[in-house]
Amino acid sequence: SSAADSSAAVLYEVKIIHFADAQPIQFEERWVDAQKLPEFIE
């Protein structure tokens, strides 16, 4: 319904570059169930 909270989190997304000896070695794109881990994004 239009009354539903359209801003409610369904998933959290993070993007991270991992470096080895100052050189990027991995780029991580991750999505997490926001209902199961509400503190993840913090």
PDB file of all heavy atoms in Angstrom:
ATOM      1  N   SER A   1       0.835  -1.195   0.000  1.00  0.00           N
ATOM      2  CA  SER A   1       0.000   0.000   0.000  1.00  0.00           C
ATOM      3  C   SER A   1       0.871   1.247   0.000  1.00  0.00           C
ATOM      4  O   SER A   1       2.025   1.227   0.393  1.00  0.00           O
ATOM      5  CB  SER A   1      -0.898  -0.007   1.248  1.00  0.00           C
ATOM      6  OG  SER A   1      -0.111   0.151   2.418  1.00  0.00           O
ATOM      7  N   SER A   2       0.282   2.357  -0.440  1.00  0.00           N
ATOM      8  CA  SER A   2       1.030   3.610  -0.484  1.00  0.00           C
ATOM      9  C   SER A   2       1.374   4.109   0.901  1.00  0.00           C
ATOM     10  O   SER A   2       2.250   4.953   1.075  1.00  0.00           O
ATOM     11  CB  SER A   2       0.198   4.679  -1.208  1.00  0.00           C
ATOM     12  OG  SER A   2      -1.051   4.856  -0.561  1.00  0.00           O
ATOM     13  N   ALA A   3       0.698   3.567   1.901  1.00  0.00           N
ATOM     14  CA  ALA A   3       0.963   3.981   3.275  1.00  0.00           C
ATOM     15  C   ALA A   3       2.193   3.302   3.845  1.00  0.00           C
ATOM     16  O   ALA A   3       2.692   3.667   4.894  1.00  0.00           O
ATOM     17  CB  ALA A   3      -0.253   3.665   4.155  1.00  0.00           C
ATOM     18  N   ALA A   4       2.690   2.294   3.144  1.00  0.00           N
ATOM     19  CA  ALA A   4       3.861   1.577   3.640  1.00  0.00           C
ATOM     20  C   ALA A   4       5.066   2.498   3.662  1.00  0.00           C
ATOM     21  O   ALA A   4       5.170   3.453   2.900  1.00  0.00           O
ATOM     22  CB  ALA A   4       4.141   0.368   2.742  1.00  0.00           C
ATOM     23  N   ASP A   5       6.009   2.212   4.553  1.00  0.00           N
ATOM     24  CA  ASP A   5       7.219   3.028   4.681  1.00  0.00           C
ATOM     25  C   ASP A   5       8.152   2.729   3.515  1.00  0.00           C
ATOM     26  O   ASP A   5       8.843   1.723   3.499  1.00  0.00           O
ATOM     27  CB  ASP A   5       7.902   2.713   6.026  1.00  0.00           C
ATOM     28  CG  ASP A   5       9.124   3.593   6.247  1.00  0.00           C
ATOM     29  OD1 ASP A   5       9.398   4.462   5.393  1.00  0.00           O
ATOM     30  OD2 ASP A   5       9.795   3.407   7.272  1.00  0.00           O
ATOM     31  N   SER A   6       8.178   3.644   2.536  1.00  0.00           N
ATOM     32  CA  SER A   6       8.991   3.417   1.337  1.00  0.00           C
ATOM     33  C   SER A   6      10.475   3.538   1.615  1.00  0.00           C
ATOM     34  O   SER A   6      11.293   3.167   0.775  1.00  0.00           O
ATOM     35  CB  SER A   6       8.582   4.415   0.245  1.00  0.00           C
ATOM     36  OG  SER A   6       8.815   5.742   0.690  1.00  0.00           O
ATOM     37  N   SER A   7      10.842   4.069   2.796  1.00  0.00           N
ATOM     38  CA  SER A   7      12.255   4.240   3.129  1.00  0.00           C
ATOM     39  C   SER A   7      12.803   3.064   3.935  1.00  0.00           C
ATOM     40  O   SER A   7      13.969   3.084   4.322  1.00  0.00           O
ATOM     41  CB  SER A   7      12.458   5.539   3.910  1.00  0.00           C
ATOM     42  OG  SER A   7      11.813   5.471   5.175  1.00  0.00           O
ATOM     43  N   ALA A   8      11.964   2.059   4.197  1.00  0.00           N
ATOM     44  CA  ALA A   8      12.401   0.930   5.020  1.00  0.00           C
ATOM     45  C   ALA A   8      13.495   0.141   4.307  1.00  0.00           C
ATOM     46  O   ALA A   8      13.402  -0.148   3.116  1.00  0.00           O
ATOM     47  CB  ALA A   8      11.213   0.023   5.332  1.00  0.00           C
ATOM     48  N   ALA A   9      14.522  -0.216   5.053  1.00  0.00           N
ATOM     49  CA  ALA A   9      15.651  -0.960   4.485  1.00  0.00           C
ATOM     50  C   ALA A   9      15.265  -2.413   4.250  1.00  0.00           C
ATOM     51  O   ALA A   9      14.725  -3.070   5.134  1.00  0.00           O
ATOM     52  CB  ALA A   9      16.843  -0.890   5.422  1.00  0.00           C
ATOM     53  N   VAL A  10      15.530  -2.899   3.052  1.00  0.00           N
ATOM     54  CA  VAL A  10      15.369  -4.314   2.736  1.00  0.00           C
ATOM     55  C   VAL A  10      16.747  -4.990   2.759  1.00  0.00           C
ATOM     56  O   VAL A  10      16.921  -6.046   3.352  1.00  0.00           O
ATOM     57  CB  VAL A  10      14.704  -4.501   1.357  1.00  0.00           C
ATOM     58  CG1 VAL A  10      14.616  -5.986   0.997  1.00  0.00           C
ATOM     59  CG2 VAL A  10      13.325  -3.873   1.345  1.00  0.00           C
ATOM     60  N   LEU A  11      17.709  -4.339   2.104  1.00  0.00           N
ATOM     61  CA  LEU A  11      19.084  -4.818   2.083  1.00  0.00           C
ATOM     62  C   LEU A  11      20.026  -3.668   2.411  1.00  0.00           C
ATOM     63  O   LEU A  11      19.664  -2.503   2.291  1.00  0.00           O
ATOM     64  CB  LEU A  11      19.456  -5.375   0.701  1.00  0.00           C
ATOM     65  CG  LEU A  11      18.611  -6.504   0.124  1.00  0.00           C
ATOM     66  CD1 LEU A  11      19.095  -6.825  -1.296  1.00  0.00           C
ATOM     67  CD2 LEU A  11      18.668  -7.743   1.000  1.00  0.00           C
ATOM     68  N   TYR A  12      21.242  -4.023   2.829  1.00  0.00           N
ATOM     69  CA  TYR A  12      22.322  -3.047   2.935  1.00  0.00           C
ATOM     70  C   TYR A  12      23.373  -3.384   1.879  1.00  0.00           C
ATOM     71  O   TYR A  12      23.631  -4.560   1.610  1.00  0.00           O
ATOM     72  CB  TYR A  12      22.973  -3.094   4.312  1.00  0.00           C
ATOM     73  CG  TYR A  12      22.090  -2.629   5.443  1.00  0.00           C
ATOM     74  CD1 TYR A  12      22.013  -3.342   6.628  1.00  0.00           C
ATOM     75  CD2 TYR A  12      21.337  -1.457   5.329  1.00  0.00           C
ATOM     76  CE1 TYR A  12      21.209  -2.914   7.675  1.00  0.00           C
ATOM     77  CE2 TYR A  12      20.521  -1.029   6.370  1.00  0.00           C
ATOM     78  CZ  TYR A  12      20.467  -1.755   7.539  1.00  0.00           C
ATOM     79  OH  TYR A  12      19.675  -1.329   8.563  1.00  0.00           O
ATOM     80  N   GLU A  13      23.970  -2.367   1.305  1.00  0.00           N
ATOM     81  CA  GLU A  13      24.996  -2.552   0.281  1.00  0.00           C
ATOM     82  C   GLU A  13      26.279  -1.852   0.714  1.00  0.00           C
ATOM     83  O   GLU A  13      26.250  -0.698   1.155  1.00  0.00           O
ATOM     84  CB  GLU A  13      24.521  -1.973  -1.045  1.00  0.00           C
ATOM     85  CG  GLU A  13      25.556  -2.028  -2.172  1.00  0.00           C
ATOM     86  CD  GLU A  13      25.139  -1.196  -3.370  1.00  0.00           C
ATOM     87  OE1 GLU A  13      25.423   0.036  -3.370  1.00  0.00           O
ATOM     88  OE2 GLU A  13      24.505  -1.753  -4.268  1.00  0.00           O
ATOM     89  N   VAL A  14      27.397  -2.558   0.599  1.00  0.00           N
ATOM     90  CA  VAL A  14      28.701  -1.936   0.843  1.00  0.00           C
ATOM     91  C   VAL A  14      29.629  -2.288  -0.315  1.00  0.00           C
ATOM     92  O   VAL A  14      29.531  -3.372  -0.898  1.00  0.00           O
ATOM     93  CB  VAL A  14      29.349  -2.395   2.176  1.00  0.00           C
ATOM     94  CG1 VAL A  14      28.536  -1.927   3.363  1.00  0.00           C
ATOM     95  CG2 VAL A  14      29.541  -3.892   2.211  1.00  0.00           C
ATOM     96  N   LYS A  15      30.513  -1.338  -0.651  1.00  0.00           N
ATOM     97  CA  LYS A  15      31.528  -1.569  -1.672  1.00  0.00           C
ATOM     98  C   LYS A  15      32.870  -1.180  -1.072  1.00  0.00           C
ATOM     99  O   LYS A  15      33.023  -0.062  -0.558  1.00  0.00           O
ATOM    100  CB  LYS A  15      31.226  -0.768  -2.941  1.00  0.00           C
ATOM    101  CG  LYS A  15      29.900  -1.186  -3.593  1.00  0.00           C
ATOM    102  CD  LYS A  15      29.669  -0.459  -4.916  1.00  0.00           C
ATOM    103  CE  LYS A  15      28.365  -0.926  -5.566  1.00  0.00           C
ATOM    104  NZ  LYS A  15      28.138  -0.294  -6.889  1.00  0.00           N
ATOM    105  N   ILE A  16      33.836  -2.097  -1.158  1.00  0.00           N
ATOM    106  CA  ILE A  16      35.106  -1.932  -0.448  1.00  0.00           C
ATOM    107  C   ILE A  16      36.261  -2.354  -1.352  1.00  0.00           C
ATOM    108  O   ILE A  16      36.165  -3.373  -2.054  1.00  0.00           O
ATOM    109  CB  ILE A  16      35.128  -2.799   0.833  1.00  0.00           C
ATOM    110  CG1 ILE A  16      33.942  -2.465   1.736  1.00  0.00           C
ATOM    111  CG2 ILE A  16      36.446  -2.626   1.589  1.00  0.00           C
ATOM    112  CD1 ILE A  16      33.714  -3.474   2.844  1.00  0.00           C
ATOM    113  N   ILE A  17      37.338  -1.580  -1.331  1.00  0.00           N
ATOM    114  CA  ILE A  17      38.575  -1.980  -2.000  1.00  0.00           C
ATOM    115  C   ILE A  17      39.537  -2.518  -0.950  1.00  0.00           C
ATOM    116  O   ILE A  17      39.762  -1.873   0.077  1.00  0.00           O
ATOM    117  CB  ILE A  17      39.242  -0.805  -2.737  1.00  0.00           C
ATOM    118  CG1 ILE A  17      38.267  -0.131  -3.692  1.00  0.00           C
ATOM    119  CG2 ILE A  17      40.478  -1.292  -3.500  1.00  0.00           C
ATOM    120  CD1 ILE A  17      38.824   1.140  -4.320  1.00  0.00           C
ATOM    121  N   HIS A  18      40.100  -3.698  -1.195  1.00  0.00           N
ATOM    122  CA  HIS A  18      41.076  -4.300  -0.293  1.00  0.00           C
ATOM    123  C   HIS A  18      42.473  -4.171  -0.909  1.00  0.00           C
ATOM    124  O   HIS A  18      42.667  -4.483  -2.094  1.00  0.00           O
ATOM    125  CB  HIS A  18      40.741  -5.774  -0.043  1.00  0.00           C
ATOM    126  CG  HIS A  18      39.381  -5.973   0.562  1.00  0.00           C
ATOM    127  ND1 HIS A  18      39.154  -5.919   1.919  1.00  0.00           N
ATOM    128  CD2 HIS A  18      38.172  -6.194  -0.007  1.00  0.00           C
ATOM    129  CE1 HIS A  18      37.868  -6.121   2.166  1.00  0.00           C
ATOM    130  NE2 HIS A  18      37.246  -6.283   1.009  1.00  0.00           N
ATOM    131  N   PHE A  19      43.420  -3.716  -0.105  1.00  0.00           N
ATOM    132  CA  PHE A  19      44.776  -3.447  -0.586  1.00  0.00           C
ATOM    133  C   PHE A  19      45.789  -4.403   0.053  1.00  0.00           C
ATOM    134  O   PHE A  19      45.674  -4.736   1.242  1.00  0.00           O
ATOM    135  CB  PHE A  19      45.195  -2.022  -0.234  1.00  0.00           C
ATOM    136  CG  PHE A  19      44.419  -0.946  -0.942  1.00  0.00           C
ATOM    137  CD1 PHE A  19      43.172  -0.554  -0.483  1.00  0.00           C
ATOM    138  CD2 PHE A  19      44.935  -0.330  -2.067  1.00  0.00           C
ATOM    139  CE1 PHE A  19      42.453   0.444  -1.114  1.00  0.00           C
ATOM    140  CE2 PHE A  19      44.222   0.670  -2.715  1.00  0.00           C
ATOM    141  CZ  PHE A  19      42.979   1.064  -2.246  1.00  0.00           C
ATOM    142  N   ALA A  20      46.772  -4.815  -0.733  1.00  0.00           N
ATOM    143  CA  ALA A  20      47.930  -5.560  -0.241  1.00  0.00           C
ATOM    144  C   ALA A  20      49.171  -4.750  -0.565  1.00  0.00           C
ATOM    145  O   ALA A  20      49.434  -4.464  -1.744  1.00  0.00           O
ATOM    146  CB  ALA A  20      48.015  -6.939  -0.900  1.00  0.00           C
ATOM    147  N   ASP A  21      49.900  -4.332   0.471  1.00  0.00           N
ATOM    148  CA  ASP A  21      51.104  -3.508   0.268  1.00  0.00           C
ATOM    149  C   ASP A  21      50.787  -2.282  -0.574  1.00  0.00           C
ATOM    150  O   ASP A  21      51.502  -1.942  -1.528  1.00  0.00           O
ATOM    151  CB  ASP A  21      52.226  -4.329  -0.366  1.00  0.00           C
ATOM    152  CG  ASP A  21      52.625  -5.529   0.494  1.00  0.00           C
ATOM    153  OD1 ASP A  21      52.528  -5.425   1.735  1.00  0.00           O
ATOM    154  OD2 ASP A  21      53.022  -6.558  -0.079  1.00  0.00           O
ATOM    155  N   ALA A  22      49.660  -1.625  -0.238  1.00  0.00           N
ATOM    156  CA  ALA A  22      49.214  -0.374  -0.872  1.00  0.00           C
ATOM    157  C   ALA A  22      48.749  -0.554  -2.316  1.00  0.00           C
ATOM    158  O   ALA A  22      48.486   0.431  -3.013  1.00  0.00           O
ATOM    159  CB  ALA A  22      50.310   0.691  -0.801  1.00  0.00           C
ATOM    160  N   GLN A  23      48.601  -1.785  -2.782  1.00  0.00           N
ATOM    161  CA  GLN A  23      48.150  -2.050  -4.147  1.00  0.00           C
ATOM    162  C   GLN A  23      46.774  -2.725  -4.098  1.00  0.00           C
ATOM    163  O   GLN A  23      46.595  -3.724  -3.401  1.00  0.00           O
ATOM    164  CB  GLN A  23      49.147  -2.960  -4.862  1.00  0.00           C
ATOM    165  CG  GLN A  23      48.867  -3.162  -6.343  1.00  0.00           C
ATOM    166  CD  GLN A  23      49.954  -3.983  -7.010  1.00  0.00           C
ATOM    167  OE1 GLN A  23      50.306  -5.061  -6.539  1.00  0.00           O
ATOM    168  NE2 GLN A  23      50.508  -3.475  -8.108  1.00  0.00           N
ATOM    169  N   PRO A  24      45.759  -2.190  -4.816  1.00  0.00           N
ATOM    170  CA  PRO A  24      44.431  -2.810  -4.771  1.00  0.00           C
ATOM    171  C   PRO A  24      44.461  -4.227  -5.332  1.00  0.00           C
ATOM    172  O   PRO A  24      44.987  -4.463  -6.418  1.00  0.00           O
ATOM    173  CB  PRO A  24      43.571  -1.886  -5.636  1.00  0.00           C
ATOM    174  CG  PRO A  24      44.531  -1.149  -6.496  1.00  0.00           C
ATOM    175  CD  PRO A  24      45.795  -1.019  -5.714  1.00  0.00           C
ATOM    176  N   ILE A  25      43.901  -5.147  -4.570  1.00  0.00           N
ATOM    177  CA  ILE A  25      43.951  -6.555  -4.966  1.00  0.00           C
ATOM    178  C   ILE A  25      42.557  -7.164  -5.106  1.00  0.00           C
ATOM    179  O   ILE A  25      42.359  -8.123  -5.844  1.00  0.00           O
ATOM    180  CB  ILE A  25      44.798  -7.360  -3.954  1.00  0.00           C
ATOM    181  CG1 ILE A  25      45.160  -8.735  -4.525  1.00  0.00           C
ATOM    182  CG2 ILE A  25      44.099  -7.483  -2.619  1.00  0.00           C
ATOM    183  CD1 ILE A  25      46.188  -9.478  -3.687  1.00  0.00           C
ATOM    184  N   GLN A  26      41.575  -6.571  -4.410  1.00  0.00           N
ATOM    185  CA  GLN A  26      40.206  -7.088  -4.486  1.00  0.00           C
ATOM    186  C   GLN A  26      39.214  -5.946  -4.327  1.00  0.00           C
ATOM    187  O   GLN A  26      39.401  -5.058  -3.499  1.00  0.00           O
ATOM    188  CB  GLN A  26      39.963  -8.132  -3.383  1.00  0.00           C
ATOM    189  CG  GLN A  26      38.564  -8.747  -3.399  1.00  0.00           C
ATOM    190  CD  GLN A  26      38.256  -9.487  -2.105  1.00  0.00           C
ATOM    191  OE1 GLN A  26      37.711  -8.916  -1.170  1.00  0.00           O
ATOM    192  NE2 GLN A  26      38.629 -10.761  -2.054  1.00  0.00           N
ATOM    193  N   PHE A  27      38.134  -5.993  -5.134  1.00  0.00           N
ATOM    194  CA  PHE A  27      37.015  -5.071  -4.975  1.00  0.00           C
ATOM    195  C   PHE A  27      35.795  -5.880  -4.577  1.00  0.00           C
ATOM    196  O   PHE A  27      35.397  -6.814  -5.268  1.00  0.00           O
ATOM    197  CB  PHE A  27      36.738  -4.305  -6.266  1.00  0.00           C
ATOM    198  CG  PHE A  27      35.505  -3.445  -6.208  1.00  0.00           C
ATOM    199  CD1 PHE A  27      35.363  -2.477  -5.227  1.00  0.00           C
ATOM    200  CD2 PHE A  27      34.480  -3.608  -7.131  1.00  0.00           C
ATOM    201  CE1 PHE A  27      34.222  -1.685  -5.159  1.00  0.00           C
ATOM    202  CE2 PHE A  27      33.340  -2.821  -7.088  1.00  0.00           C
ATOM    203  CZ  PHE A  27      33.216  -1.857  -6.093  1.00  0.00           C
ATOM    204  N   GLU A  28      35.220  -5.544  -3.439  1.00  0.00           N
ATOM    205  CA  GLU A  28      34.101  -6.294  -2.858  1.00  0.00           C
ATOM    206  C   GLU A  28      32.803  -5.506  -2.995  1.00  0.00           C
ATOM    207  O   GLU A  28      32.713  -4.353  -2.582  1.00  0.00           O
ATOM    208  CB  GLU A  28      34.390  -6.571  -1.381  1.00  0.00           C
ATOM    209  CG  GLU A  28      33.237  -7.170  -0.601  1.00  0.00           C
ATOM    210  CD  GLU A  28      33.554  -7.349   0.882  1.00  0.00           C
ATOM    211  OE1 GLU A  28      34.725  -7.126   1.274  1.00  0.00           O
ATOM    212  OE2 GLU A  28      32.637  -7.707   1.637  1.00  0.00           O
ATOM    213  N   GLU A  29      31.784  -6.155  -3.564  1.00  0.00           N
ATOM    214  CA  GLU A  29      30.425  -5.620  -3.605  1.00  0.00           C
ATOM    215  C   GLU A  29      29.555  -6.581  -2.800  1.00  0.00           C
ATOM    216  O   GLU A  29      29.412  -7.745  -3.169  1.00  0.00           O
ATOM    217  CB  GLU A  29      29.903  -5.548  -5.041  1.00  0.00           C
ATOM    218  CG  GLU A  29      30.714  -4.666  -5.974  1.00  0.00           C
ATOM    219  CD  GLU A  29      30.164  -4.687  -7.387  1.00  0.00           C
ATOM    220  OE1 GLU A  29      30.442  -5.668  -8.112  1.00  0.00           O
ATOM    221  OE2 GLU A  29      29.445  -3.742  -7.755  1.00  0.00           O
ATOM    222  N   ARG A  30      28.963  -6.112  -1.722  1.00  0.00           N
ATOM    223  CA  ARG A  30      28.231  -7.017  -0.825  1.00  0.00           C
ATOM    224  C   ARG A  30      26.853  -6.469  -0.481  1.00  0.00           C
ATOM    225  O   ARG A  30      26.679  -5.263  -0.271  1.00  0.00           O
ATOM    226  CB  ARG A  30      29.017  -7.219   0.480  1.00  0.00           C
ATOM    227  CG  ARG A  30      28.366  -8.233   1.430  1.00  0.00           C
ATOM    228  CD  ARG A  30      29.154  -8.364   2.720  1.00  0.00           C
ATOM    229  NE  ARG A  30      30.468  -8.950   2.520  1.00  0.00           N
ATOM    230  CZ  ARG A  30      30.708 -10.258   2.504  1.00  0.00           C
ATOM    231  NH1 ARG A  30      29.698 -11.107   2.657  1.00  0.00           N
ATOM    232  NH2 ARG A  30      31.944 -10.708   2.353  1.00  0.00           N
ATOM    233  N   TRP A  31      25.887  -7.399  -0.416  1.00  0.00           N
ATOM    234  CA  TRP A  31      24.529  -7.082   0.001  1.00  0.00           C
ATOM    235  C   TRP A  31      24.152  -7.982   1.174  1.00  0.00           C
ATOM    236  O   TRP A  31      24.439  -9.184   1.169  1.00  0.00           O
ATOM    237  CB  TRP A  31      23.559  -7.286  -1.156  1.00  0.00           C
ATOM    238  CG  TRP A  31      23.824  -6.353  -2.290  1.00  0.00           C
ATOM    239  CD1 TRP A  31      23.271  -5.125  -2.510  1.00  0.00           C
ATOM    240  CD2 TRP A  31      24.738  -6.562  -3.380  1.00  0.00           C
ATOM    241  NE1 TRP A  31      23.775  -4.560  -3.649  1.00  0.00           N
ATOM    242  CE2 TRP A  31      24.684  -5.418  -4.197  1.00  0.00           C
ATOM    243  CE3 TRP A  31      25.604  -7.613  -3.719  1.00  0.00           C
ATOM    244  CZ2 TRP A  31      25.460  -5.293  -5.349  1.00  0.00           C
ATOM    245  CZ3 TRP A  31      26.377  -7.481  -4.869  1.00  0.00           C
ATOM    246  CH2 TRP A  31      26.302  -6.337  -5.675  1.00  0.00           C
ATOM    247  N   VAL A  32      23.504  -7.407   2.182  1.00  0.00           N
ATOM    248  CA  VAL A  32      23.176  -8.116   3.421  1.00  0.00           C
ATOM    249  C   VAL A  32      21.712  -7.884   3.765  1.00  0.00           C
ATOM    250  O   VAL A  32      21.183  -6.776   3.583  1.00  0.00           O
ATOM    251  CB  VAL A  32      24.081  -7.617   4.580  1.00  0.00           C
ATOM    252  CG1 VAL A  32      23.640  -8.207   5.918  1.00  0.00           C
ATOM    253  CG2 VAL A  32      25.540  -7.967   4.303  1.00  0.00           C
ATOM    254  N   ASP A  33      21.048  -8.915   4.272  1.00  0.00           N
ATOM    255  CA  ASP A  33      19.655  -8.821   4.708  1.00  0.00           C
ATOM    256  C   ASP A  33      19.560  -7.828   5.874  1.00  0.00           C
ATOM    257  O   ASP A  33      20.073  -8.076   6.963  1.00  0.00           O
ATOM    258  CB  ASP A  33      19.168 -10.206   5.152  1.00  0.00           C
ATOM    259  CG  ASP A  33      17.680 -10.226   5.458  1.00  0.00           C
ATOM    260  OD1 ASP A  33      17.159  -9.246   6.002  1.00  0.00           O
ATOM    261  OD2 ASP A  33      17.030 -11.259   5.187  1.00  0.00           O
ATOM    262  N   ALA A  34      18.920  -6.698   5.634  1.00  0.00           N
ATOM    263  CA  ALA A  34      18.857  -5.635   6.640  1.00  0.00           C
ATOM    264  C   ALA A  34      17.989  -6.007   7.840  1.00  0.00           C
ATOM    265  O   ALA A  34      18.202  -5.497   8.943  1.00  0.00           O
ATOM    266  CB  ALA A  34      18.319  -4.350   6.006  1.00  0.00           C
ATOM    267  N   GLN A  35      17.019  -6.882   7.636  1.00  0.00           N
ATOM    268  CA  GLN A  35      16.152  -7.272   8.744  1.00  0.00           C
ATOM    269  C   GLN A  35      16.879  -8.166   9.742  1.00  0.00           C
ATOM    270  O   GLN A  35      16.657  -8.082  10.947  1.00  0.00           O
ATOM    271  CB  GLN A  35      14.907  -7.999   8.204  1.00  0.00           C
ATOM    272  CG  GLN A  35      14.058  -7.147   7.273  1.00  0.00           C
ATOM    273  CD  GLN A  35      13.577  -5.870   7.916  1.00  0.00           C
ATOM    274  OE1 GLN A  35      13.013  -5.905   9.016  1.00  0.00           O
ATOM    275  NE2 GLN A  35      13.802  -4.735   7.270  1.00  0.00           N
ATOM    276  N   LYS A  36      17.782  -9.003   9.230  1.00  0.00           N
ATOM    277  CA  LYS A  36      18.505  -9.917  10.118  1.00  0.00           C
ATOM    278  C   LYS A  36      19.664  -9.240  10.835  1.00  0.00           C
ATOM    279  O   LYS A  36      20.008  -9.617  11.964  1.00  0.00           O
ATOM    280  CB  LYS A  36      19.035 -11.117   9.313  1.00  0.00           C
ATOM    281  CG  LYS A  36      17.948 -12.045   8.826  1.00  0.00           C
ATOM    282  CD  LYS A  36      18.538 -13.258   8.120  1.00  0.00           C
ATOM    283  CE  LYS A  36      17.446 -14.223   7.680  1.00  0.00           C
ATOM    284  NZ  LYS A  36      18.006 -15.397   6.967  1.00  0.00           N
ATOM    285  N   LEU A  37      20.268  -8.250  10.180  1.00  0.00           N
ATOM    286  CA  LEU A  37      21.418  -7.569  10.779  1.00  0.00           C
ATOM    287  C   LEU A  37      21.250  -6.052  10.650  1.00  0.00           C
ATOM    288  O   LEU A  37      21.932  -5.399   9.850  1.00  0.00           O
ATOM    289  CB  LEU A  37      22.720  -8.012  10.103  1.00  0.00           C
ATOM    290  CG  LEU A  37      23.206  -9.423  10.428  1.00  0.00           C
ATOM    291  CD1 LEU A  37      24.428  -9.775   9.605  1.00  0.00           C
ATOM    292  CD2 LEU A  37      23.544  -9.541  11.914  1.00  0.00           C
ATOM    293  N   PRO A  38      20.354  -5.465  11.448  1.00  0.00           N
ATOM    294  CA  PRO A  38      20.067  -4.029  11.311  1.00  0.00           C
ATOM    295  C   PRO A  38      21.251  -3.126  11.634  1.00  0.00           C
ATOM    296  O   PRO A  38      21.274  -1.968  11.198  1.00  0.00           O
ATOM    297  CB  PRO A  38      18.912  -3.807  12.293  1.00  0.00           C
ATOM    298  CG  PRO A  38      18.998  -4.948  13.254  1.00  0.00           C
ATOM    299  CD  PRO A  38      19.499  -6.112  12.465  1.00  0.00           C
ATOM    300  N   GLU A  39      22.240  -3.619  12.390  1.00  0.00           N
ATOM    301  CA  GLU A  39      23.382  -2.779  12.762  1.00  0.00           C
ATOM    302  C   GLU A  39      24.536  -2.875  11.763  1.00  0.00           C
ATOM    303  O   GLU A  39      25.547  -2.180  11.914  1.00  0.00           O
ATOM    304  CB  GLU A  39      23.879  -3.182  14.154  1.00  0.00           C
ATOM    305  CG  GLU A  39      22.855  -2.929  15.253  1.00  0.00           C
ATOM    306  CD  GLU A  39      23.337  -3.401  16.603  1.00  0.00           C
ATOM    307  OE1 GLU A  39      24.069  -4.402  16.642  1.00  0.00           O
ATOM    308  OE2 GLU A  39      23.002  -2.765  17.605  1.00  0.00           O
ATOM    309  N   PHE A  40      24.397  -3.718  10.742  1.00  0.00           N
ATOM    310  CA  PHE A  40      25.496  -3.940   9.802  1.00  0.00           C
ATOM    311  C   PHE A  40      25.978  -2.640   9.165  1.00  0.00           C
ATOM    312  O   PHE A  40      27.179  -2.368   9.089  1.00  0.00           O
ATOM    313  CB  PHE A  40      25.041  -4.916   8.711  1.00  0.00           C
ATOM    314  CG  PHE A  40      26.063  -5.180   7.645  1.00  0.00           C
ATOM    315  CD1 PHE A  40      27.046  -6.145   7.823  1.00  0.00           C
ATOM    316  CD2 PHE A  40      26.056  -4.458   6.449  1.00  0.00           C
ATOM    317  CE1 PHE A  40      27.997  -6.390   6.843  1.00  0.00           C
ATOM    318  CE2 PHE A  40      27.006  -4.695   5.463  1.00  0.00           C
ATOM    319  CZ  PHE A  40      27.974  -5.659   5.670  1.00  0.00           C
ATOM    320  N   ILE A  41      25.053  -1.808   8.718  1.00  0.00           N
ATOM    321  CA  ILE A  41      25.401  -0.613   7.962  1.00  0.00           C
ATOM    322  C   ILE A  41      26.143   0.415   8.806  1.00  0.00           C
ATOM    323  O   ILE A  41      26.803   1.317   8.270  1.00  0.00           O
ATOM    324  CB  ILE A  41      24.125   0.015   7.347  1.00  0.00           C
ATOM    325  CG1 ILE A  41      24.472   0.940   6.165  1.00  0.00           C
ATOM    326  CG2 ILE A  41      23.306   0.735   8.414  1.00  0.00           C
ATOM    327  CD1 ILE A  41      24.990   0.211   4.960  1.00  0.00           C
ATOM    328  N   GLU A  42      26.058   0.301  10.131  1.00  0.00           N
ATOM    329  CA  GLU A  42      26.688   1.276  11.020  1.00  0.00           C
ATOM    330  C   GLU A  42      28.162   0.969  11.284  1.00  0.00           C
ATOM    331  O   GLU A  42      28.860   1.779  11.891  1.00  0.00           O
ATOM    332  CB  GLU A  42      25.934   1.323  12.354  1.00  0.00           C
ATOM    333  CG  GLU A  42      24.472   1.729  12.212  1.00  0.00           C
ATOM    334  CD  GLU A  42      23.712   1.575  13.511  1.00  0.00           C
ATOM    335  OE1 GLU A  42      24.365   1.379  14.558  1.00  0.00           O
ATOM    336  OE2 GLU A  42      22.475   1.657  13.487  1.00  0.00           O
TER     337      GLU A  42
END
